[in-house]
Amino acid sequence: MIQRRTALVPADNSGVQQMQVIHIYGASKQRFATVGDIVQCVVKKADPNGIVKDDELVKVVVVRTRKEYRRADGSYIRFDDNAGVVIDT
């Protein structure tokens, strides 16, 4: 589960090194995001030669979470970190 102020690891080559969640899209009082949800992040640290710059607001889709989630067949899946991919919508 991802909530506000959660640090995300980038899972793409956009140049982001560290980012922090500031908003979760969806219902007005949605508190947590899981795999596949879109969140808004602020870039805390970026590569100087990358596309994204420091302190920029970006939309991110969550691709990995440390909190396990249940699949339809009854199995659970869990990852080692919280990661997201920068999107431009």
PDB file of N, CA and C in Angstrom:
ATOM      1  N   MET A   1       0.842  -1.176   0.000  1.00  0.00           N
ATOM      2  CA  MET A   1       0.000   0.000   0.000  1.00  0.00           C
ATOM      3  C   MET A   1       0.885   1.235   0.000  1.00  0.00           C
ATOM      4  N   ILE A   2       0.559   2.123  -0.884  1.00  0.00           N
ATOM      5  CA  ILE A   2       1.293   3.373  -1.021  1.00  0.00           C
ATOM      6  C   ILE A   2       0.394   4.483  -0.502  1.00  0.00           C
ATOM      7  N   GLN A   3       0.942   5.368   0.315  1.00  0.00           N
ATOM      8  CA  GLN A   3       0.183   6.503   0.807  1.00  0.00           C
ATOM      9  C   GLN A   3       1.010   7.769   0.621  1.00  0.00           C
ATOM     10  N   ARG A   4       0.472   8.902   1.049  1.00  0.00           N
ATOM     11  CA  ARG A   4       1.205  10.155   0.902  1.00  0.00           C
ATOM     12  C   ARG A   4       2.526  10.102   1.658  1.00  0.00           C
ATOM     13  N   ARG A   5       3.528  10.777   1.100  1.00  0.00           N
ATOM     14  CA  ARG A   5       4.888  10.877   1.632  1.00  0.00           C
ATOM     15  C   ARG A   5       5.675   9.583   1.508  1.00  0.00           C
ATOM     16  N   THR A   6       5.171   8.603   0.769  1.00  0.00           N
ATOM     17  CA  THR A   6       5.909   7.366   0.522  1.00  0.00           C
ATOM     18  C   THR A   6       6.954   7.619  -0.552  1.00  0.00           C
ATOM     19  N   ALA A   7       8.163   7.147  -0.325  1.00  0.00           N
ATOM     20  CA  ALA A   7       9.231   7.279  -1.311  1.00  0.00           C
ATOM     21  C   ALA A   7       9.120   6.150  -2.318  1.00  0.00           C
ATOM     22  N   LEU A   8       9.206   6.490  -3.593  1.00  0.00           N
ATOM     23  CA  LEU A   8       9.149   5.499  -4.660  1.00  0.00           C
ATOM     24  C   LEU A   8      10.484   5.439  -5.390  1.00  0.00           C
ATOM     25  N   VAL A   9      10.834   4.245  -5.815  1.00  0.00           N
ATOM     26  CA  VAL A   9      12.022   4.029  -6.628  1.00  0.00           C
ATOM     27  C   VAL A   9      11.583   4.081  -8.090  1.00  0.00           C
ATOM     28  N   PRO A  10      12.313   4.777  -8.952  1.00  0.00           N
ATOM     29  CA  PRO A  10      11.918   4.798 -10.366  1.00  0.00           C
ATOM     30  C   PRO A  10      12.220   3.465 -11.038  1.00  0.00           C
ATOM     31  N   ALA A  11      11.307   3.012 -11.894  1.00  0.00           N
ATOM     32  CA  ALA A  11      11.492   1.757 -12.617  1.00  0.00           C
ATOM     33  C   ALA A  11      11.606   2.033 -14.120  1.00  0.00           C
ATOM     34  N   ASP A  12      12.095   3.219 -14.479  1.00  0.00           N
ATOM     35  CA  ASP A  12      12.251   3.576 -15.881  1.00  0.00           C
ATOM     36  C   ASP A  12      13.527   4.391 -16.055  1.00  0.00           C
ATOM     37  N   ASN A  13      13.756   4.886 -17.258  1.00  0.00           N
ATOM     38  CA  ASN A  13      14.983   5.630 -17.539  1.00  0.00           C
ATOM     39  C   ASN A  13      14.705   7.107 -17.802  1.00  0.00           C
ATOM     40  N   SER A  14      13.776   7.682 -17.058  1.00  0.00           N
ATOM     41  CA  SER A  14      13.423   9.087 -17.245  1.00  0.00           C
ATOM     42  C   SER A  14      14.422  10.039 -16.583  1.00  0.00           C
ATOM     43  N   GLY A  15      15.314   9.546 -15.772  1.00  0.00           N
ATOM     44  CA  GLY A  15      16.295  10.383 -15.099  1.00  0.00           C
ATOM     45  C   GLY A  15      15.966  10.661 -13.649  1.00  0.00           C
ATOM     46  N   VAL A  16      14.833  10.183 -13.175  1.00  0.00           N
ATOM     47  CA  VAL A  16      14.456  10.366 -11.768  1.00  0.00           C
ATOM     48  C   VAL A  16      15.281   9.406 -10.916  1.00  0.00           C
ATOM     49  N   GLN A  17      15.776   9.908  -9.776  1.00  0.00           N
ATOM     50  CA  GLN A  17      16.500   9.051  -8.850  1.00  0.00           C
ATOM     51  C   GLN A  17      15.712   8.813  -7.566  1.00  0.00           C
ATOM     52  N   GLN A  18      14.974   9.828  -7.113  1.00  0.00           N
ATOM     53  CA  GLN A  18      14.119   9.697  -5.937  1.00  0.00           C
ATOM     54  C   GLN A  18      12.852  10.497  -6.169  1.00  0.00           C
ATOM     55  N   MET A  19      11.700   9.951  -5.742  1.00  0.00           N
ATOM     56  CA  MET A  19      10.445  10.685  -5.835  1.00  0.00           C
ATOM     57  C   MET A  19       9.568  10.354  -4.641  1.00  0.00           C
ATOM     58  N   GLN A  20       8.650  11.273  -4.340  1.00  0.00           N
ATOM     59  CA  GLN A  20       7.796  11.140  -3.167  1.00  0.00           C
ATOM     60  C   GLN A  20       6.343  11.385  -3.573  1.00  0.00           C
ATOM     61  N   VAL A  21       5.446  10.532  -3.093  1.00  0.00           N
ATOM     62  CA  VAL A  21       4.026  10.632  -3.413  1.00  0.00           C
ATOM     63  C   VAL A  21       3.412  11.817  -2.673  1.00  0.00           C
ATOM     64  N   ILE A  22       2.629  12.641  -3.397  1.00  0.00           N
ATOM     65  CA  ILE A  22       1.941  13.750  -2.748  1.00  0.00           C
ATOM     66  C   ILE A  22       0.427  13.684  -2.939  1.00  0.00           C
ATOM     67  N   HIS A  23      -0.053  12.863  -3.908  1.00  0.00           N
ATOM     68  CA  HIS A  23      -1.489  12.757  -4.135  1.00  0.00           C
ATOM     69  C   HIS A  23      -1.811  11.413  -4.774  1.00  0.00           C
ATOM     70  N   ILE A  24      -2.950  10.842  -4.389  1.00  0.00           N
ATOM     71  CA  ILE A  24      -3.419   9.583  -4.968  1.00  0.00           C
ATOM     72  C   ILE A  24      -4.696   9.891  -5.741  1.00  0.00           C
ATOM     73  N   TYR A  25      -4.689   9.597  -7.040  1.00  0.00           N
ATOM     74  CA  TYR A  25      -5.857   9.863  -7.868  1.00  0.00           C
ATOM     75  C   TYR A  25      -6.911   8.789  -7.651  1.00  0.00           C
ATOM     76  N   GLY A  26      -8.160   9.184  -7.799  1.00  0.00           N
ATOM     77  CA  GLY A  26      -9.278   8.275  -7.586  1.00  0.00           C
ATOM     78  C   GLY A  26     -10.337   8.992  -6.787  1.00  0.00           C
ATOM     79  N   ALA A  27     -10.908   8.326  -5.808  1.00  0.00           N
ATOM     80  CA  ALA A  27     -11.913   8.943  -4.949  1.00  0.00           C
ATOM     81  C   ALA A  27     -11.285  10.057  -4.126  1.00  0.00           C
ATOM     82  N   SER A  28     -12.101  10.978  -3.646  1.00  0.00           N
ATOM     83  CA  SER A  28     -11.577  12.150  -2.947  1.00  0.00           C
ATOM     84  C   SER A  28     -10.901  11.797  -1.625  1.00  0.00           C
ATOM     85  N   LYS A  29     -11.310  10.702  -1.012  1.00  0.00           N
ATOM     86  CA  LYS A  29     -10.716  10.342   0.274  1.00  0.00           C
ATOM     87  C   LYS A  29      -9.950   9.034   0.211  1.00  0.00           C
ATOM     88  N   GLN A  30      -9.473   8.667  -0.974  1.00  0.00           N
ATOM     89  CA  GLN A  30      -8.698   7.435  -1.119  1.00  0.00           C
ATOM     90  C   GLN A  30      -7.350   7.606  -0.422  1.00  0.00           C
ATOM     91  N   ARG A  31      -7.012   6.685   0.475  1.00  0.00           N
ATOM     92  CA  ARG A  31      -5.810   6.826   1.277  1.00  0.00           C
ATOM     93  C   ARG A  31      -4.645   6.002   0.772  1.00  0.00           C
ATOM     94  N   PHE A  32      -4.923   4.889   0.094  1.00  0.00           N
ATOM     95  CA  PHE A  32      -3.860   3.990  -0.310  1.00  0.00           C
ATOM     96  C   PHE A  32      -3.915   3.719  -1.806  1.00  0.00           C
ATOM     97  N   ALA A  33      -2.748   3.489  -2.386  1.00  0.00           N
ATOM     98  CA  ALA A  33      -2.648   3.092  -3.793  1.00  0.00           C
ATOM     99  C   ALA A  33      -1.968   1.728  -3.844  1.00  0.00           C
ATOM    100  N   THR A  34      -2.374   0.928  -4.812  1.00  0.00           N
ATOM    101  CA  THR A  34      -1.767  -0.384  -5.003  1.00  0.00           C
ATOM    102  C   THR A  34      -1.230  -0.458  -6.428  1.00  0.00           C
ATOM    103  N   VAL A  35      -0.820  -1.640  -6.853  1.00  0.00           N
ATOM    104  CA  VAL A  35      -0.247  -1.821  -8.179  1.00  0.00           C
ATOM    105  C   VAL A  35      -1.281  -1.452  -9.242  1.00  0.00           C
ATOM    106  N   GLY A  36      -0.871  -0.601 -10.181  1.00  0.00           N
ATOM    107  CA  GLY A  36      -1.744  -0.172 -11.260  1.00  0.00           C
ATOM    108  C   GLY A  36      -2.397   1.169 -11.036  1.00  0.00           C
ATOM    109  N   ASP A  37      -2.334   1.713  -9.830  1.00  0.00           N
ATOM    110  CA  ASP A  37      -2.944   3.011  -9.547  1.00  0.00           C
ATOM    111  C   ASP A  37      -2.020   4.146  -9.985  1.00  0.00           C
ATOM    112  N   ILE A  38      -2.628   5.293 -10.287  1.00  0.00           N
ATOM    113  CA  ILE A  38      -1.864   6.472 -10.693  1.00  0.00           C
ATOM    114  C   ILE A  38      -1.774   7.423  -9.508  1.00  0.00           C
ATOM    115  N   VAL A  39      -0.566   7.910  -9.252  1.00  0.00           N
ATOM    116  CA  VAL A  39      -0.323   8.852  -8.160  1.00  0.00           C
ATOM    117  C   VAL A  39       0.454  10.042  -8.707  1.00  0.00           C
ATOM    118  N   GLN A  40       0.407  11.153  -7.979  1.00  0.00           N
ATOM    119  CA  GLN A  40       1.217  12.314  -8.346  1.00  0.00           C
ATOM    120  C   GLN A  40       2.403  12.368  -7.405  1.00  0.00           C
ATOM    121  N   CYS A  41       3.580  12.587  -7.969  1.00  0.00           N
ATOM    122  CA  CYS A  41       4.804  12.614  -7.178  1.00  0.00           C
ATOM    123  C   CYS A  41       5.581  13.897  -7.456  1.00  0.00           C
ATOM    124  N   VAL A  42       6.415  14.239  -6.503  1.00  0.00           N
ATOM    125  CA  VAL A  42       7.370  15.311  -6.698  1.00  0.00           C
ATOM    126  C   VAL A  42       8.753  14.662  -6.784  1.00  0.00           C
ATOM    127  N   VAL A  43       9.554  15.136  -7.731  1.00  0.00           N
ATOM    128  CA  VAL A  43      10.893  14.590  -7.940  1.00  0.00           C
ATOM    129  C   VAL A  43      11.825  15.209  -6.907  1.00  0.00           C
ATOM    130  N   LYS A  44      12.395  14.385  -6.047  1.00  0.00           N
ATOM    131  CA  LYS A  44      13.303  14.871  -5.018  1.00  0.00           C
ATOM    132  C   LYS A  44      14.740  14.965  -5.528  1.00  0.00           C
ATOM    133  N   LYS A  45      15.112  14.033  -6.392  1.00  0.00           N
ATOM    134  CA  LYS A  45      16.478  14.019  -6.916  1.00  0.00           C
ATOM    135  C   LYS A  45      16.415  13.475  -8.337  1.00  0.00           C
ATOM    136  N   ALA A  46      17.089  14.172  -9.263  1.00  0.00           N
ATOM    137  CA  ALA A  46      17.044  13.753 -10.662  1.00  0.00           C
ATOM    138  C   ALA A  46      18.438  13.833 -11.271  1.00  0.00           C
ATOM    139  N   ASP A  47      18.634  13.054 -12.307  1.00  0.00           N
ATOM    140  CA  ASP A  47      19.874  13.073 -13.065  1.00  0.00           C
ATOM    141  C   ASP A  47      19.937  14.389 -13.843  1.00  0.00           C
ATOM    142  N   PRO A  48      21.077  15.092 -13.849  1.00  0.00           N
ATOM    143  CA  PRO A  48      21.144  16.381 -14.553  1.00  0.00           C
ATOM    144  C   PRO A  48      20.947  16.260 -16.061  1.00  0.00           C
ATOM    145  N   ASN A  49      21.198  15.094 -16.623  1.00  0.00           N
ATOM    146  CA  ASN A  49      21.033  14.899 -18.065  1.00  0.00           C
ATOM    147  C   ASN A  49      19.708  14.242 -18.415  1.00  0.00           C
ATOM    148  N   GLY A  50      18.835  14.030 -17.449  1.00  0.00           N
ATOM    149  CA  GLY A  50      17.574  13.343 -17.681  1.00  0.00           C
ATOM    150  C   GLY A  50      16.489  14.259 -18.207  1.00  0.00           C
ATOM    151  N   ILE A  51      15.370  13.664 -18.530  1.00  0.00           N
ATOM    152  CA  ILE A  51      14.221  14.404 -19.059  1.00  0.00           C
ATOM    153  C   ILE A  51      13.531  15.190 -17.951  1.00  0.00           C
ATOM    154  N   VAL A  52      13.445  14.604 -16.770  1.00  0.00           N
ATOM    155  CA  VAL A  52      12.738  15.207 -15.638  1.00  0.00           C
ATOM    156  C   VAL A  52      13.737  15.956 -14.763  1.00  0.00           C
ATOM    157  N   LYS A  53      13.320  17.096 -14.217  1.00  0.00           N
ATOM    158  CA  LYS A  53      14.191  17.925 -13.384  1.00  0.00           C
ATOM    159  C   LYS A  53      13.775  17.862 -11.918  1.00  0.00           C
ATOM    160  N   ASP A  54      14.630  18.371 -11.032  1.00  0.00           N
ATOM    161  CA  ASP A  54      14.332  18.421  -9.603  1.00  0.00           C
ATOM    162  C   ASP A  54      13.081  19.267  -9.346  1.00  0.00           C
ATOM    163  N   ASP A  55      12.330  18.902  -8.308  1.00  0.00           N
ATOM    164  CA  ASP A  55      11.139  19.623  -7.840  1.00  0.00           C
ATOM    165  C   ASP A  55      10.035  19.694  -8.888  1.00  0.00           C
ATOM    166  N   GLU A  56      10.027  18.799  -9.845  1.00  0.00           N
ATOM    167  CA  GLU A  56       8.982  18.769 -10.870  1.00  0.00           C
ATOM    168  C   GLU A  56       7.867  17.820 -10.433  1.00  0.00           C
ATOM    169  N   LEU A  57       6.626  18.172 -10.740  1.00  0.00           N
ATOM    170  CA  LEU A  57       5.494  17.304 -10.450  1.00  0.00           C
ATOM    171  C   LEU A  57       5.272  16.369 -11.629  1.00  0.00           C
ATOM    172  N   VAL A  58       5.158  15.075 -11.344  1.00  0.00           N
ATOM    173  CA  VAL A  58       4.981  14.071 -12.390  1.00  0.00           C
ATOM    174  C   VAL A  58       3.876  13.106 -11.979  1.00  0.00           C
ATOM    175  N   LYS A  59       3.238  12.513 -12.982  1.00  0.00           N
ATOM    176  CA  LYS A  59       2.269  11.446 -12.726  1.00  0.00           C
ATOM    177  C   LYS A  59       3.001  10.127 -12.857  1.00  0.00           C
ATOM    178  N   VAL A  60       2.695   9.219 -11.945  1.00  0.00           N
ATOM    179  CA  VAL A  60       3.417   7.955 -11.860  1.00  0.00           C
ATOM    180  C   VAL A  60       2.404   6.825 -11.714  1.00  0.00           C
ATOM    181  N   VAL A  61       2.648   5.724 -12.408  1.00  0.00           N
ATOM    182  CA  VAL A  61       1.841   4.528 -12.208  1.00  0.00           C
ATOM    183  C   VAL A  61       2.656   3.575 -11.330  1.00  0.00           C
ATOM    184  N   VAL A  62       2.030   3.045 -10.286  1.00  0.00           N
ATOM    185  CA  VAL A  62       2.701   2.159  -9.335  1.00  0.00           C
ATOM    186  C   VAL A  62       2.839   0.775  -9.975  1.00  0.00           C
ATOM    187  N   VAL A  63       4.069   0.244 -10.002  1.00  0.00           N
ATOM    188  CA  VAL A  63       4.302  -1.063 -10.619  1.00  0.00           C
ATOM    189  C   VAL A  63       4.750  -2.125  -9.620  1.00  0.00           C
ATOM    190  N   ARG A  64       5.273  -1.725  -8.465  1.00  0.00           N
ATOM    191  CA  ARG A  64       5.678  -2.697  -7.441  1.00  0.00           C
ATOM    192  C   ARG A  64       5.376  -2.125  -6.060  1.00  0.00           C
ATOM    193  N   THR A  65       4.901  -2.988  -5.141  1.00  0.00           N
ATOM    194  CA  THR A  65       4.675  -2.579  -3.754  1.00  0.00           C
ATOM    195  C   THR A  65       5.226  -3.638  -2.809  1.00  0.00           C
ATOM    196  N   ARG A  66       5.661  -3.193  -1.655  1.00  0.00           N
ATOM    197  CA  ARG A  66       6.152  -4.120  -0.637  1.00  0.00           C
ATOM    198  C   ARG A  66       5.001  -4.888   0.019  1.00  0.00           C
ATOM    199  N   LYS A  67       3.864  -4.253   0.108  1.00  0.00           N
ATOM    200  CA  LYS A  67       2.692  -4.906   0.699  1.00  0.00           C
ATOM    201  C   LYS A  67       2.152  -5.943  -0.290  1.00  0.00           C
ATOM    202  N   GLU A  68       1.984  -7.177   0.181  1.00  0.00           N
ATOM    203  CA  GLU A  68       1.511  -8.231  -0.708  1.00  0.00           C
ATOM    204  C   GLU A  68       0.057  -7.990  -1.115  1.00  0.00           C
ATOM    205  N   TYR A  69      -0.284  -8.466  -2.289  1.00  0.00           N
ATOM    206  CA  TYR A  69      -1.672  -8.415  -2.715  1.00  0.00           C
ATOM    207  C   TYR A  69      -2.068  -9.752  -3.306  1.00  0.00           C
ATOM    208  N   ARG A  70      -3.363 -10.045  -3.235  1.00  0.00           N
ATOM    209  CA  ARG A  70      -3.886 -11.358  -3.593  1.00  0.00           C
ATOM    210  C   ARG A  70      -4.295 -11.388  -5.053  1.00  0.00           C
ATOM    211  N   ARG A  71      -3.890 -12.419  -5.752  1.00  0.00           N
ATOM    212  CA  ARG A  71      -4.297 -12.621  -7.134  1.00  0.00           C
ATOM    213  C   ARG A  71      -5.612 -13.401  -7.172  1.00  0.00           C
ATOM    214  N   ALA A  72      -6.209 -13.454  -8.354  1.00  0.00           N
ATOM    215  CA  ALA A  72      -7.507 -14.113  -8.498  1.00  0.00           C
ATOM    216  C   ALA A  72      -7.425 -15.611  -8.219  1.00  0.00           C
ATOM    217  N   ASP A  73      -6.250 -16.228  -8.464  1.00  0.00           N
ATOM    218  CA  ASP A  73      -6.123 -17.675  -8.237  1.00  0.00           C
ATOM    219  C   ASP A  73      -5.824 -18.023  -6.784  1.00  0.00           C
ATOM    220  N   GLY A  74      -5.744 -17.015  -5.914  1.00  0.00           N
ATOM    221  CA  GLY A  74      -5.528 -17.270  -4.496  1.00  0.00           C
ATOM    222  C   GLY A  74      -4.095 -17.099  -4.040  1.00  0.00           C
ATOM    223  N   SER A  75      -3.163 -16.933  -4.968  1.00  0.00           N
ATOM    224  CA  SER A  75      -1.763 -16.738  -4.578  1.00  0.00           C
ATOM    225  C   SER A  75      -1.520 -15.264  -4.248  1.00  0.00           C
ATOM    226  N   TYR A  76      -0.444 -15.024  -3.530  1.00  0.00           N
ATOM    227  CA  TYR A  76      -0.052 -13.673  -3.144  1.00  0.00           C
ATOM    228  C   TYR A  76       1.260 -13.326  -3.817  1.00  0.00           C
ATOM    229  N   ILE A  77       1.442 -12.043  -4.121  1.00  0.00           N
ATOM    230  CA  ILE A  77       2.690 -11.580  -4.718  1.00  0.00           C
ATOM    231  C   ILE A  77       3.169 -10.364  -3.944  1.00  0.00           C
ATOM    232  N   ARG A  78       4.484 -10.296  -3.722  1.00  0.00           N
ATOM    233  CA  ARG A  78       5.096  -9.214  -2.950  1.00  0.00           C
ATOM    234  C   ARG A  78       6.451  -8.898  -3.561  1.00  0.00           C
ATOM    235  N   PHE A  79       6.860  -7.619  -3.507  1.00  0.00           N
ATOM    236  CA  PHE A  79       8.133  -7.185  -4.062  1.00  0.00           C
ATOM    237  C   PHE A  79       9.022  -6.622  -2.962  1.00  0.00           C
ATOM    238  N   ASP A  80      10.282  -6.351  -3.291  1.00  0.00           N
ATOM    239  CA  ASP A  80      11.242  -5.853  -2.307  1.00  0.00           C
ATOM    240  C   ASP A  80      11.176  -4.347  -2.112  1.00  0.00           C
ATOM    241  N   ASP A  81      10.555  -3.621  -3.036  1.00  0.00           N
ATOM    242  CA  ASP A  81      10.538  -2.165  -2.927  1.00  0.00           C
ATOM    243  C   ASP A  81       9.238  -1.611  -3.507  1.00  0.00           C
ATOM    244  N   ASN A  82       9.053  -0.313  -3.306  1.00  0.00           N
ATOM    245  CA  ASN A  82       7.928   0.406  -3.903  1.00  0.00           C
ATOM    246  C   ASN A  82       8.471   1.128  -5.118  1.00  0.00           C
ATOM    247  N   ALA A  83       7.927   0.841  -6.293  1.00  0.00           N
ATOM    248  CA  ALA A  83       8.461   1.427  -7.524  1.00  0.00           C
ATOM    249  C   ALA A  83       7.341   1.944  -8.396  1.00  0.00           C
ATOM    250  N   GLY A  84       7.701   2.917  -9.238  1.00  0.00           N
ATOM    251  CA  GLY A  84       6.738   3.494 -10.163  1.00  0.00           C
ATOM    252  C   GLY A  84       7.394   3.915 -11.450  1.00  0.00           C
ATOM    253  N   VAL A  85       6.567   4.099 -12.474  1.00  0.00           N
ATOM    254  CA  VAL A  85       7.024   4.516 -13.799  1.00  0.00           C
ATOM    255  C   VAL A  85       6.393   5.870 -14.109  1.00  0.00           C
ATOM    256  N   VAL A  86       7.212   6.831 -14.528  1.00  0.00           N
ATOM    257  CA  VAL A  86       6.733   8.171 -14.861  1.00  0.00           C
ATOM    258  C   VAL A  86       5.948   8.101 -16.168  1.00  0.00           C
ATOM    259  N   ILE A  87       4.741   8.694 -16.158  1.00  0.00           N
ATOM    260  CA  ILE A  87       3.912   8.745 -17.361  1.00  0.00           C
ATOM    261  C   ILE A  87       3.616  10.200 -17.673  1.00  0.00           C
ATOM    262  N   ASP A  88       3.220  10.484 -18.883  1.00  0.00           N
ATOM    263  CA  ASP A  88       2.872  11.855 -19.270  1.00  0.00           C
ATOM    264  C   ASP A  88       1.459  11.891 -19.818  1.00  0.00           C
ATOM    265  N   THR A  89       0.506  12.092 -18.892  1.00  0.00           N
ATOM    266  CA  THR A  89      -0.890  12.203 -19.301  1.00  0.00           C
ATOM    267  C   THR A  89      -1.451  13.517 -18.809  1.00  0.00           C
TER     268      THR A  89
END
